Amino acid sequence: MSFFISDAFAEAAPMAAGQPSMIEGLLFPIGLFAIFYFFFIRPQIKRQKEHKKLVDALGKGDEVQTEGGIMGRITELNEDYVKVEVAENTVMTFRRGSVLAVLPKGTLKEI
């Protein structure tokens, strides 16, 4: 059946003196994971904790900016939602998590 292609049989290569051990072979993946952890995962977890602390500390009368760039003053809040007055007699409802930053008092003088 193998008229055009001859059969090839592989033999196990003898152990060379310079071949890395199993521990040396695991050093690269472990080092790569450590780099990813310290440069990507850890800073992201830190930002999430800071944002959660900011959202938990929201109060009535705080001037805030949402993720969409809308700025206003908090008029009412509950466990999940926040009502923000963006102009006179204009109140919008947002999720608490969409508040990006708390602005310094007096930033919004027009409202």
C-alpha atoms as a PDB file:
ATOM      1  CA  MET A   1       0.000   0.000   0.000  1.00  0.00           C
ATOM      2  CA  SER A   2       2.900   2.367   0.616  1.00  0.00           C
ATOM      3  CA  PHE A   3       4.097   2.336  -2.950  1.00  0.00           C
ATOM      4  CA  PHE A   4       5.211   5.985  -3.154  1.00  0.00           C
ATOM      5  CA  ILE A   5       6.064   6.733   0.485  1.00  0.00           C
ATOM      6  CA  SER A   6       8.349   4.544   2.479  1.00  0.00           C
ATOM      7  CA  ASP A   7       7.537   3.830   6.100  1.00  0.00           C
ATOM      8  CA  ALA A   8       9.525   5.777   8.706  1.00  0.00           C
ATOM      9  CA  PHE A   9      10.000   4.412  12.192  1.00  0.00           C
ATOM     10  CA  ALA A  10      11.109   6.754  14.956  1.00  0.00           C
ATOM     11  CA  GLU A  11      13.391   5.733  17.733  1.00  0.00           C
ATOM     12  CA  ALA A  12      13.617   7.378  21.116  1.00  0.00           C
ATOM     13  CA  ALA A  13      16.554   9.738  21.314  1.00  0.00           C
ATOM     14  CA  PRO A  14      19.090   8.985  23.992  1.00  0.00           C
ATOM     15  CA  MET A  15      19.079  11.348  27.004  1.00  0.00           C
ATOM     16  CA  ALA A  16      21.585  14.100  26.389  1.00  0.00           C
ATOM     17  CA  ALA A  17      23.651  15.516  29.209  1.00  0.00           C
ATOM     18  CA  GLY A  18      22.422  19.089  28.606  1.00  0.00           C
ATOM     19  CA  GLN A  19      18.685  18.344  28.470  1.00  0.00           C
ATOM     20  CA  PRO A  20      16.671  20.425  30.990  1.00  0.00           C
ATOM     21  CA  SER A  21      15.004  18.721  33.911  1.00  0.00           C
ATOM     22  CA  MET A  22      11.291  18.979  34.643  1.00  0.00           C
ATOM     23  CA  ILE A  23      11.790  21.795  37.161  1.00  0.00           C
ATOM     24  CA  GLU A  24      13.803  23.847  34.681  1.00  0.00           C
ATOM     25  CA  GLY A  25      11.065  23.307  32.116  1.00  0.00           C
ATOM     26  CA  LEU A  26       8.458  24.724  34.499  1.00  0.00           C
ATOM     27  CA  LEU A  27      10.417  27.874  35.331  1.00  0.00           C
ATOM     28  CA  PHE A  28       9.388  29.721  32.146  1.00  0.00           C
ATOM     29  CA  PRO A  29       5.595  29.212  32.527  1.00  0.00           C
ATOM     30  CA  ILE A  30       5.779  30.105  36.228  1.00  0.00           C
ATOM     31  CA  GLY A  31       7.798  33.236  35.454  1.00  0.00           C
ATOM     32  CA  LEU A  32       5.352  34.193  32.699  1.00  0.00           C
ATOM     33  CA  PHE A  33       2.407  33.833  35.075  1.00  0.00           C
ATOM     34  CA  ALA A  34       4.201  35.975  37.690  1.00  0.00           C
ATOM     35  CA  ILE A  35       4.772  38.727  35.113  1.00  0.00           C
ATOM     36  CA  PHE A  36       1.117  38.655  34.046  1.00  0.00           C
ATOM     37  CA  TYR A  37      -0.017  38.718  37.676  1.00  0.00           C
ATOM     38  CA  PHE A  38       2.094  41.703  38.727  1.00  0.00           C
ATOM     39  CA  PHE A  39       1.602  43.772  35.568  1.00  0.00           C
ATOM     40  CA  PHE A  40      -2.012  43.002  34.601  1.00  0.00           C
ATOM     41  CA  ILE A  41      -4.093  41.102  37.176  1.00  0.00           C
ATOM     42  CA  ARG A  42      -3.013  42.833  40.412  1.00  0.00           C
ATOM     43  CA  PRO A  43      -3.481  46.430  39.169  1.00  0.00           C
ATOM     44  CA  GLN A  44      -6.930  45.541  37.801  1.00  0.00           C
ATOM     45  CA  ILE A  45      -8.008  44.073  41.150  1.00  0.00           C
ATOM     46  CA  LYS A  46      -6.715  47.204  42.889  1.00  0.00           C
ATOM     47  CA  ARG A  47      -8.753  49.464  40.552  1.00  0.00           C
ATOM     48  CA  GLN A  48     -11.879  47.356  41.142  1.00  0.00           C
ATOM     49  CA  LYS A  49     -11.500  47.690  44.932  1.00  0.00           C
ATOM     50  CA  GLU A  50     -11.043  51.472  44.666  1.00  0.00           C
ATOM     51  CA  HIS A  51     -14.134  51.791  42.440  1.00  0.00           C
ATOM     52  CA  LYS A  52     -16.231  49.678  44.810  1.00  0.00           C
ATOM     53  CA  LYS A  53     -15.124  51.873  47.712  1.00  0.00           C
ATOM     54  CA  LEU A  54     -16.061  55.005  45.723  1.00  0.00           C
ATOM     55  CA  VAL A  55     -19.507  53.612  44.825  1.00  0.00           C
ATOM     56  CA  ASP A  56     -20.201  52.545  48.420  1.00  0.00           C
ATOM     57  CA  ALA A  57     -19.295  56.025  49.701  1.00  0.00           C
ATOM     58  CA  LEU A  58     -21.727  57.899  47.425  1.00  0.00           C
ATOM     59  CA  GLY A  59     -24.107  60.243  49.202  1.00  0.00           C
ATOM     60  CA  LYS A  60     -26.916  62.637  48.476  1.00  0.00           C
ATOM     61  CA  GLY A  61     -25.597  65.961  47.164  1.00  0.00           C
ATOM     62  CA  ASP A  62     -22.351  64.557  45.749  1.00  0.00           C
ATOM     63  CA  GLU A  63     -21.342  65.902  42.349  1.00  0.00           C
ATOM     64  CA  VAL A  64     -20.465  62.981  40.100  1.00  0.00           C
ATOM     65  CA  GLN A  65     -19.434  62.036  36.581  1.00  0.00           C
ATOM     66  CA  THR A  66     -20.807  58.887  34.953  1.00  0.00           C
ATOM     67  CA  GLU A  67     -19.047  56.548  32.550  1.00  0.00           C
ATOM     68  CA  GLY A  68     -20.912  58.249  29.701  1.00  0.00           C
ATOM     69  CA  GLY A  69     -19.455  61.636  30.655  1.00  0.00           C
ATOM     70  CA  ILE A  70     -22.667  63.051  32.136  1.00  0.00           C
ATOM     71  CA  MET A  71     -22.057  65.222  35.181  1.00  0.00           C
ATOM     72  CA  GLY A  72     -24.607  66.135  37.805  1.00  0.00           C
ATOM     73  CA  ARG A  73     -25.590  66.172  41.454  1.00  0.00           C
ATOM     74  CA  ILE A  74     -27.035  63.134  43.229  1.00  0.00           C
ATOM     75  CA  THR A  75     -30.585  63.796  44.410  1.00  0.00           C
ATOM     76  CA  GLU A  76     -31.611  60.302  45.456  1.00  0.00           C
ATOM     77  CA  LEU A  77     -29.931  56.911  45.758  1.00  0.00           C
ATOM     78  CA  ASN A  78     -30.786  53.387  46.756  1.00  0.00           C
ATOM     79  CA  GLU A  79     -28.975  50.064  46.759  1.00  0.00           C
ATOM     80  CA  ASP A  80     -28.779  49.680  42.962  1.00  0.00           C
ATOM     81  CA  TYR A  81     -29.605  53.028  41.368  1.00  0.00           C
ATOM     82  CA  VAL A  82     -28.727  56.680  41.636  1.00  0.00           C
ATOM     83  CA  LYS A  83     -30.794  59.675  40.496  1.00  0.00           C
ATOM     84  CA  VAL A  84     -28.657  62.500  39.164  1.00  0.00           C
ATOM     85  CA  GLU A  85     -29.878  66.018  38.484  1.00  0.00           C
ATOM     86  CA  VAL A  86     -28.078  67.122  35.311  1.00  0.00           C
ATOM     87  CA  ALA A  87     -29.961  70.400  34.779  1.00  0.00           C
ATOM     88  CA  GLU A  88     -32.709  72.287  36.533  1.00  0.00           C
ATOM     89  CA  ASN A  89     -35.744  69.966  36.792  1.00  0.00           C
ATOM     90  CA  THR A  90     -33.946  67.259  34.769  1.00  0.00           C
ATOM     91  CA  VAL A  91     -33.228  64.063  36.704  1.00  0.00           C
ATOM     92  CA  MET A  92     -31.679  60.948  35.154  1.00  0.00           C
ATOM     93  CA  THR A  93     -31.412  57.490  36.697  1.00  0.00           C
ATOM     94  CA  PHE A  94     -28.158  55.504  36.498  1.00  0.00           C
ATOM     95  CA  ARG A  95     -26.792  52.295  37.957  1.00  0.00           C
ATOM     96  CA  ARG A  96     -24.543  52.969  40.948  1.00  0.00           C
ATOM     97  CA  GLY A  97     -21.683  51.176  39.233  1.00  0.00           C
ATOM     98  CA  SER A  98     -21.756  53.581  36.297  1.00  0.00           C
ATOM     99  CA  VAL A  99     -20.541  56.461  38.481  1.00  0.00           C
ATOM    100  CA  LEU A 100     -16.954  57.012  37.425  1.00  0.00           C
ATOM    101  CA  ALA A 101     -15.792  59.791  39.724  1.00  0.00           C
ATOM    102  CA  VAL A 102     -16.902  62.077  42.517  1.00  0.00           C
ATOM    103  CA  LEU A 103     -16.129  65.692  41.618  1.00  0.00           C
ATOM    104  CA  PRO A 104     -14.985  68.342  44.107  1.00  0.00           C
ATOM    105  CA  LYS A 105     -17.793  70.385  45.675  1.00  0.00           C
ATOM    106  CA  GLY A 106     -18.706  73.466  43.649  1.00  0.00           C
ATOM    107  CA  THR A 107     -17.622  72.031  40.295  1.00  0.00           C
ATOM    108  CA  LEU A 108     -21.174  72.243  38.971  1.00  0.00           C
ATOM    109  CA  LYS A 109     -22.381  75.761  39.728  1.00  0.00           C
ATOM    110  CA  GLU A 110     -25.068  75.952  37.025  1.00  0.00           C
ATOM    111  CA  ILE A 111     -27.402  73.351  38.526  1.00  0.00           C
END
